[in-house]
PDB file of N, CA and C in Angstrom:
ATOM      1  N   MET A   1     -13.024   1.914 -12.089  1.00  0.00           N
ATOM      2  CA  MET A   1     -12.674   2.339 -13.497  1.00  0.00           C
ATOM      3  C   MET A   1     -13.813   3.224 -13.915  1.00  0.00           C
ATOM      4  N   GLY A   2     -13.449   4.355 -14.529  1.00  0.00           N
ATOM      5  CA  GLY A   2     -14.396   5.264 -15.154  1.00  0.00           C
ATOM      6  C   GLY A   2     -15.105   4.712 -16.418  1.00  0.00           C
ATOM      7  N   ASN A   3     -15.999   5.380 -16.931  1.00  0.00           N
ATOM      8  CA  ASN A   3     -16.734   4.988 -18.143  1.00  0.00           C
ATOM      9  C   ASN A   3     -15.880   5.380 -19.325  1.00  0.00           C
ATOM     10  N   PRO A   4     -15.433   4.377 -20.132  1.00  0.00           N
ATOM     11  CA  PRO A   4     -14.458   4.488 -21.151  1.00  0.00           C
ATOM     12  C   PRO A   4     -15.391   5.339 -22.360  1.00  0.00           C
ATOM     13  N   PHE A   5     -16.528   5.329 -22.325  1.00  0.00           N
ATOM     14  CA  PHE A   5     -17.470   6.023 -23.331  1.00  0.00           C
ATOM     15  C   PHE A   5     -17.658   7.455 -22.932  1.00  0.00           C
ATOM     16  N   ARG A   6     -17.368   7.784 -21.831  1.00  0.00           N
ATOM     17  CA  ARG A   6     -17.545   9.170 -21.246  1.00  0.00           C
ATOM     18  C   ARG A   6     -16.386   9.566 -20.508  1.00  0.00           C
ATOM     19  N   PRO A   7     -15.228   9.729 -21.159  1.00  0.00           N
ATOM     20  CA  PRO A   7     -13.997  10.118 -20.397  1.00  0.00           C
ATOM     21  C   PRO A   7     -14.214  11.426 -19.602  1.00  0.00           C
ATOM     22  N   VAL A   8     -13.533  11.400 -18.382  1.00  0.00           N
ATOM     23  CA  VAL A   8     -13.712  12.585 -17.529  1.00  0.00           C
ATOM     24  C   VAL A   8     -12.444  13.251 -17.615  1.00  0.00           C
ATOM     25  N   THR A   9     -12.435  14.587 -17.702  1.00  0.00           N
ATOM     26  CA  THR A   9     -11.293  15.444 -17.608  1.00  0.00           C
ATOM     27  C   THR A   9     -11.157  16.163 -16.222  1.00  0.00           C
ATOM     28  N   PHE A  10     -10.134  16.502 -15.828  1.00  0.00           N
ATOM     29  CA  PHE A  10      -9.915  17.265 -14.584  1.00  0.00           C
ATOM     30  C   PHE A  10      -9.488  18.646 -14.736  1.00  0.00           C
ATOM     31  N   ASP A  11     -10.277  19.571 -14.396  1.00  0.00           N
ATOM     32  CA  ASP A  11      -9.961  21.067 -14.587  1.00  0.00           C
ATOM     33  C   ASP A  11      -8.751  21.528 -13.589  1.00  0.00           C
ATOM     34  N   SER A  12      -7.659  21.868 -14.001  1.00  0.00           N
ATOM     35  CA  SER A  12      -6.583  22.168 -13.205  1.00  0.00           C
ATOM     36  C   SER A  12      -6.996  23.387 -12.171  1.00  0.00           C
ATOM     37  N   SER A  13      -7.960  24.095 -12.453  1.00  0.00           N
ATOM     38  CA  SER A  13      -8.441  25.166 -11.448  1.00  0.00           C
ATOM     39  C   SER A  13      -9.104  24.599 -10.292  1.00  0.00           C
ATOM     40  N   TRP A  14      -9.442  23.310 -10.344  1.00  0.00           N
ATOM     41  CA  TRP A  14     -10.081  22.716  -9.135  1.00  0.00           C
ATOM     42  C   TRP A  14      -9.024  22.289  -8.173  1.00  0.00           C
ATOM     43  N   LEU A  15      -7.711  22.226  -8.526  1.00  0.00           N
ATOM     44  CA  LEU A  15      -6.622  21.777  -7.783  1.00  0.00           C
ATOM     45  C   LEU A  15      -6.116  22.789  -6.777  1.00  0.00           C
ATOM     46  N   THR A  16      -6.946  23.102  -5.835  1.00  0.00           N
ATOM     47  CA  THR A  16      -6.496  24.063  -4.800  1.00  0.00           C
ATOM     48  C   THR A  16      -5.549  23.264  -3.812  1.00  0.00           C
ATOM     49  N   SER A  17      -4.945  24.115  -2.851  1.00  0.00           N
ATOM     50  CA  SER A  17      -4.012  23.419  -1.782  1.00  0.00           C
ATOM     51  C   SER A  17      -4.758  22.552  -1.006  1.00  0.00           C
ATOM     52  N   THR A  18      -6.160  22.885  -0.710  1.00  0.00           N
ATOM     53  CA  THR A  18      -6.920  22.009   0.194  1.00  0.00           C
ATOM     54  C   THR A  18      -7.202  20.654  -0.605  1.00  0.00           C
ATOM     55  N   VAL A  19      -7.610  20.728  -1.894  1.00  0.00           N
ATOM     56  CA  VAL A  19      -7.831  19.504  -2.640  1.00  0.00           C
ATOM     57  C   VAL A  19      -6.583  18.702  -2.679  1.00  0.00           C
ATOM     58  N   SER A  20      -5.549  19.299  -3.009  1.00  0.00           N
ATOM     59  CA  SER A  20      -4.292  18.602  -3.093  1.00  0.00           C
ATOM     60  C   SER A  20      -3.829  17.878  -1.876  1.00  0.00           C
ATOM     61  N   ALA A  21      -3.985  18.506  -0.606  1.00  0.00           N
ATOM     62  CA  ALA A  21      -3.569  17.972   0.545  1.00  0.00           C
ATOM     63  C   ALA A  21      -4.608  16.879   1.068  1.00  0.00           C
ATOM     64  N   LEU A  22      -5.917  17.036   0.838  1.00  0.00           N
ATOM     65  CA  LEU A  22      -6.793  15.977   1.030  1.00  0.00           C
ATOM     66  C   LEU A  22      -6.493  14.736   0.237  1.00  0.00           C
ATOM     67  N   ALA A  23      -6.423  15.057  -1.081  1.00  0.00           N
ATOM     68  CA  ALA A  23      -6.180  13.840  -1.977  1.00  0.00           C
ATOM     69  C   ALA A  23      -5.008  13.100  -1.694  1.00  0.00           C
ATOM     70  N   ALA A  24      -3.882  13.802  -1.354  1.00  0.00           N
ATOM     71  CA  ALA A  24      -2.575  13.192  -1.022  1.00  0.00           C
ATOM     72  C   ALA A  24      -2.713  12.353   0.237  1.00  0.00           C
ATOM     73  N   GLY A  25      -3.384  12.958   1.267  1.00  0.00           N
ATOM     74  CA  GLY A  25      -3.519  12.207   2.561  1.00  0.00           C
ATOM     75  C   GLY A  25      -4.405  11.023   2.404  1.00  0.00           C
ATOM     76  N   ILE A  26      -5.544  11.068   1.563  1.00  0.00           N
ATOM     77  CA  ILE A  26      -6.334   9.959   1.327  1.00  0.00           C
ATOM     78  C   ILE A  26      -5.597   8.814   0.790  1.00  0.00           C
ATOM     79  N   TYR A  27      -4.803   9.255  -0.235  1.00  0.00           N
ATOM     80  CA  TYR A  27      -4.039   8.207  -0.908  1.00  0.00           C
ATOM     81  C   TYR A  27      -2.979   7.595  -0.032  1.00  0.00           C
ATOM     82  N   THR A  28      -2.210   8.388   0.631  1.00  0.00           N
ATOM     83  CA  THR A  28      -1.033   7.873   1.432  1.00  0.00           C
ATOM     84  C   THR A  28      -1.486   6.989   2.629  1.00  0.00           C
ATOM     85  N   GLU A  29      -2.578   7.492   3.183  1.00  0.00           N
ATOM     86  CA  GLU A  29      -3.122   6.876   4.433  1.00  0.00           C
ATOM     87  C   GLU A  29      -4.377   5.815   4.077  1.00  0.00           C
ATOM     88  N   SER A  30      -4.581   5.604   2.791  1.00  0.00           N
ATOM     89  CA  SER A  30      -5.740   4.726   2.406  1.00  0.00           C
ATOM     90  C   SER A  30      -6.958   5.135   3.264  1.00  0.00           C
ATOM     91  N   ALA A  31      -7.107   6.392   3.326  1.00  0.00           N
ATOM     92  CA  ALA A  31      -8.269   6.920   4.218  1.00  0.00           C
ATOM     93  C   ALA A  31      -9.518   7.244   3.397  1.00  0.00           C
ATOM     94  N   PHE A  32     -10.049   6.259   2.752  1.00  0.00           N
ATOM     95  CA  PHE A  32     -11.192   6.478   1.827  1.00  0.00           C
ATOM     96  C   PHE A  32     -12.389   7.002   2.393  1.00  0.00           C
ATOM     97  N   ASP A  33     -12.523   6.938   3.717  1.00  0.00           N
ATOM     98  CA  ASP A  33     -13.681   7.469   4.404  1.00  0.00           C
ATOM     99  C   ASP A  33     -13.670   8.977   4.271  1.00  0.00           C
ATOM    100  N   ARG A  34     -12.529   9.580   3.833  1.00  0.00           N
ATOM    101  CA  ARG A  34     -12.468  11.023   3.654  1.00  0.00           C
ATOM    102  C   ARG A  34     -12.845  11.535   2.294  1.00  0.00           C
ATOM    103  N   LEU A  35     -13.187  10.628   1.394  1.00  0.00           N
ATOM    104  CA  LEU A  35     -13.560  10.955  -0.080  1.00  0.00           C
ATOM    105  C   LEU A  35     -14.741  11.965  -0.094  1.00  0.00           C
ATOM    106  N   PRO A  36     -15.752  11.861   0.714  1.00  0.00           N
ATOM    107  CA  PRO A  36     -16.809  12.807   0.752  1.00  0.00           C
ATOM    108  C   PRO A  36     -16.397  14.226   1.039  1.00  0.00           C
ATOM    109  N   ILE A  37     -15.368  14.324   1.948  1.00  0.00           N
ATOM    110  CA  ILE A  37     -14.825  15.615   2.230  1.00  0.00           C
ATOM    111  C   ILE A  37     -14.017  16.213   1.108  1.00  0.00           C
ATOM    112  N   LEU A  38     -13.319  15.329   0.306  1.00  0.00           N
ATOM    113  CA  LEU A  38     -12.596  15.686  -0.915  1.00  0.00           C
ATOM    114  C   LEU A  38     -13.668  16.157  -1.896  1.00  0.00           C
ATOM    115  N   ALA A  39     -14.803  15.453  -2.007  1.00  0.00           N
ATOM    116  CA  ALA A  39     -15.893  16.044  -2.976  1.00  0.00           C
ATOM    117  C   ALA A  39     -16.318  17.327  -2.498  1.00  0.00           C
ATOM    118  N   ASP A  40     -16.511  17.631  -1.363  1.00  0.00           N
ATOM    119  CA  ASP A  40     -16.987  18.984  -0.794  1.00  0.00           C
ATOM    120  C   ASP A  40     -15.896  20.064  -1.187  1.00  0.00           C
ATOM    121  N   ALA A  41     -14.677  19.680  -0.979  1.00  0.00           N
ATOM    122  CA  ALA A  41     -13.546  20.609  -1.394  1.00  0.00           C
ATOM    123  C   ALA A  41     -13.562  20.868  -2.835  1.00  0.00           C
ATOM    124  N   LEU A  42     -13.693  19.836  -3.637  1.00  0.00           N
ATOM    125  CA  LEU A  42     -13.723  20.019  -5.115  1.00  0.00           C
ATOM    126  C   LEU A  42     -14.912  20.921  -5.458  1.00  0.00           C
ATOM    127  N   GLN A  43     -16.022  20.625  -4.874  1.00  0.00           N
ATOM    128  CA  GLN A  43     -17.177  21.488  -5.158  1.00  0.00           C
ATOM    129  C   GLN A  43     -16.909  22.948  -4.810  1.00  0.00           C
ATOM    130  N   ASP A  44     -16.379  23.159  -3.717  1.00  0.00           N
ATOM    131  CA  ASP A  44     -15.989  24.500  -3.318  1.00  0.00           C
ATOM    132  C   ASP A  44     -15.067  25.160  -4.221  1.00  0.00           C
ATOM    133  N   ALA A  45     -14.280  24.313  -4.851  1.00  0.00           N
ATOM    134  CA  ALA A  45     -13.217  24.897  -5.801  1.00  0.00           C
ATOM    135  C   ALA A  45     -13.787  25.051  -7.218  1.00  0.00           C
ATOM    136  N   GLY A  46     -15.077  24.760  -7.317  1.00  0.00           N
ATOM    137  CA  GLY A  46     -15.744  24.986  -8.620  1.00  0.00           C
ATOM    138  C   GLY A  46     -16.074  23.753  -9.496  1.00  0.00           C
ATOM    139  N   CYS A  47     -15.698  22.591  -8.962  1.00  0.00           N
ATOM    140  CA  CYS A  47     -15.950  21.318  -9.740  1.00  0.00           C
ATOM    141  C   CYS A  47     -17.380  21.107  -9.856  1.00  0.00           C
ATOM    142  N   ASP A  48     -17.981  20.944 -10.978  1.00  0.00           N
ATOM    143  CA  ASP A  48     -19.429  20.606 -11.173  1.00  0.00           C
ATOM    144  C   ASP A  48     -19.545  19.193 -11.908  1.00  0.00           C
ATOM    145  N   ASN A  49     -18.504  18.500 -11.946  1.00  0.00           N
ATOM    146  CA  ASN A  49     -18.504  17.261 -12.651  1.00  0.00           C
ATOM    147  C   ASN A  49     -19.095  16.132 -11.760  1.00  0.00           C
ATOM    148  N   GLU A  50     -20.394  15.821 -12.200  1.00  0.00           N
ATOM    149  CA  GLU A  50     -21.217  14.846 -11.315  1.00  0.00           C
ATOM    150  C   GLU A  50     -20.647  13.447 -11.218  1.00  0.00           C
ATOM    151  N   ASP A  51     -19.888  13.043 -12.273  1.00  0.00           N
ATOM    152  CA  ASP A  51     -19.242  11.753 -12.187  1.00  0.00           C
ATOM    153  C   ASP A  51     -18.201  11.706 -11.056  1.00  0.00           C
ATOM    154  N   ILE A  52     -17.375  12.701 -10.930  1.00  0.00           N
ATOM    155  CA  ILE A  52     -16.396  12.837  -9.988  1.00  0.00           C
ATOM    156  C   ILE A  52     -17.003  12.958  -8.494  1.00  0.00           C
ATOM    157  N   LEU A  53     -17.903  13.951  -8.409  1.00  0.00           N
ATOM    158  CA  LEU A  53     -18.478  14.159  -7.145  1.00  0.00           C
ATOM    159  C   LEU A  53     -19.303  13.043  -6.642  1.00  0.00           C
ATOM    160  N   THR A  54     -20.083  12.424  -7.478  1.00  0.00           N
ATOM    161  CA  THR A  54     -20.883  11.243  -7.118  1.00  0.00           C
ATOM    162  C   THR A  54     -20.042  10.089  -6.743  1.00  0.00           C
ATOM    163  N   HIS A  55     -18.943   9.874  -7.396  1.00  0.00           N
ATOM    164  CA  HIS A  55     -18.122   8.801  -7.141  1.00  0.00           C
ATOM    165  C   HIS A  55     -17.465   8.908  -5.717  1.00  0.00           C
ATOM    166  N   PHE A  56     -16.912  10.085  -5.421  1.00  0.00           N
ATOM    167  CA  PHE A  56     -16.387  10.363  -4.126  1.00  0.00           C
ATOM    168  C   PHE A  56     -17.337  10.185  -2.930  1.00  0.00           C
ATOM    169  N   ARG A  57     -18.609  10.529  -3.252  1.00  0.00           N
ATOM    170  CA  ARG A  57     -19.688  10.473  -2.265  1.00  0.00           C
ATOM    171  C   ARG A  57     -20.281   9.172  -2.159  1.00  0.00           C
ATOM    172  N   SER A  58     -19.990   8.254  -2.983  1.00  0.00           N
ATOM    173  CA  SER A  58     -20.593   6.822  -2.959  1.00  0.00           C
ATOM    174  C   SER A  58     -19.888   5.932  -1.916  1.00  0.00           C
ATOM    175  N   ASP A  59     -20.536   4.891  -1.579  1.00  0.00           N
ATOM    176  CA  ASP A  59     -20.229   4.004  -0.554  1.00  0.00           C
ATOM    177  C   ASP A  59     -18.995   3.162  -0.972  1.00  0.00           C
ATOM    178  N   GLY A  60     -18.675   3.154  -2.269  1.00  0.00           N
ATOM    179  CA  GLY A  60     -17.504   2.379  -2.746  1.00  0.00           C
ATOM    180  C   GLY A  60     -17.834   0.975  -3.103  1.00  0.00           C
ATOM    181  N   PRO A  61     -16.963   0.075  -2.827  1.00  0.00           N
ATOM    182  CA  PRO A  61     -15.676   0.156  -2.189  1.00  0.00           C
ATOM    183  C   PRO A  61     -14.633   1.002  -2.973  1.00  0.00           C
ATOM    184  N   HIS A  62     -13.740   1.694  -2.252  1.00  0.00           N
ATOM    185  CA  HIS A  62     -12.702   2.500  -2.830  1.00  0.00           C
ATOM    186  C   HIS A  62     -11.399   1.825  -2.473  1.00  0.00           C
ATOM    187  N   VAL A  63     -10.490   1.851  -3.404  1.00  0.00           N
ATOM    188  CA  VAL A  63      -9.087   1.332  -3.244  1.00  0.00           C
ATOM    189  C   VAL A  63      -8.037   2.235  -3.809  1.00  0.00           C
ATOM    190  N   LYS A  64      -6.813   2.090  -3.630  1.00  0.00           N
ATOM    191  CA  LYS A  64      -5.815   2.741  -4.359  1.00  0.00           C
ATOM    192  C   LYS A  64      -5.854   2.331  -5.699  1.00  0.00           C
ATOM    193  N   GLY A  65      -5.759   3.293  -6.657  1.00  0.00           N
ATOM    194  CA  GLY A  65      -5.828   2.995  -8.092  1.00  0.00           C
ATOM    195  C   GLY A  65      -7.295   3.515  -8.564  1.00  0.00           C
ATOM    196  N   CYS A  66      -8.032   4.081  -7.588  1.00  0.00           N
ATOM    197  CA  CYS A  66      -9.383   4.594  -7.863  1.00  0.00           C
ATOM    198  C   CYS A  66      -9.246   5.681  -9.138  1.00  0.00           C
ATOM    199  N   TRP A  67     -10.108   5.454 -10.015  1.00  0.00           N
ATOM    200  CA  TRP A  67      -9.909   6.331 -11.210  1.00  0.00           C
ATOM    201  C   TRP A  67     -10.063   7.807 -10.899  1.00  0.00           C
ATOM    202  N   ALA A  68     -10.931   8.134 -10.026  1.00  0.00           N
ATOM    203  CA  ALA A  68     -11.268   9.580  -9.673  1.00  0.00           C
ATOM    204  C   ALA A  68     -10.123  10.155  -8.923  1.00  0.00           C
ATOM    205  N   LEU A  69      -9.615   9.404  -7.783  1.00  0.00           N
ATOM    206  CA  LEU A  69      -8.553   9.926  -7.032  1.00  0.00           C
ATOM    207  C   LEU A  69      -7.326   9.955  -7.808  1.00  0.00           C
ATOM    208  N   ASP A  70      -6.996   8.969  -8.721  1.00  0.00           N
ATOM    209  CA  ASP A  70      -5.943   9.132  -9.548  1.00  0.00           C
ATOM    210  C   ASP A  70      -6.059  10.388 -10.540  1.00  0.00           C
ATOM    211  N   LEU A  71      -7.132  10.658 -10.893  1.00  0.00           N
ATOM    212  CA  LEU A  71      -7.378  11.910 -11.749  1.00  0.00           C
ATOM    213  C   LEU A  71      -7.017  13.216 -10.962  1.00  0.00           C
ATOM    214  N   VAL A  72      -7.427  13.197  -9.773  1.00  0.00           N
ATOM    215  CA  VAL A  72      -7.110  14.470  -8.986  1.00  0.00           C
ATOM    216  C   VAL A  72      -5.666  14.413  -8.695  1.00  0.00           C
ATOM    217  N   LEU A  73      -4.969  13.341  -8.444  1.00  0.00           N
ATOM    218  CA  LEU A  73      -3.602  13.262  -8.158  1.00  0.00           C
ATOM    219  C   LEU A  73      -2.672  13.405  -9.399  1.00  0.00           C
ATOM    220  N   GLY A  74      -3.284  13.398 -10.606  1.00  0.00           N
ATOM    221  CA  GLY A  74      -2.491  13.424 -11.694  1.00  0.00           C
ATOM    222  C   GLY A  74      -1.830  12.145 -12.173  1.00  0.00           C
ATOM    223  N   LYS A  75      -2.347  10.992 -11.692  1.00  0.00           N
ATOM    224  CA  LYS A  75      -1.856   9.630 -11.897  1.00  0.00           C
ATOM    225  C   LYS A  75      -2.456   9.068 -13.082  1.00  0.00           C
ATOM    226  N   ALA A  76      -3.617   9.634 -13.560  1.00  0.00           N
ATOM    227  CA  ALA A  76      -4.459   9.107 -14.698  1.00  0.00           C
ATOM    228  C   ALA A  76      -4.158   9.758 -15.903  1.00  0.00           C
TER     229      ALA A  76
END
């Protein structure tokens, strides 16, 4: 769950085809070990949000319903 006192917004310009494909695959396959790769793809797309990038690069644990992954997938 994200910090309710510092809500994070997702800039749609970060949603490249690579980011979309990675996020969908991670979610569908519960392949949370790929989250650091998603962080790199987001950074390449211009994402500079440290909350999102740090979360994807952290050890977790990560599960379906992850606030940051849901944000990327438009589920949040």
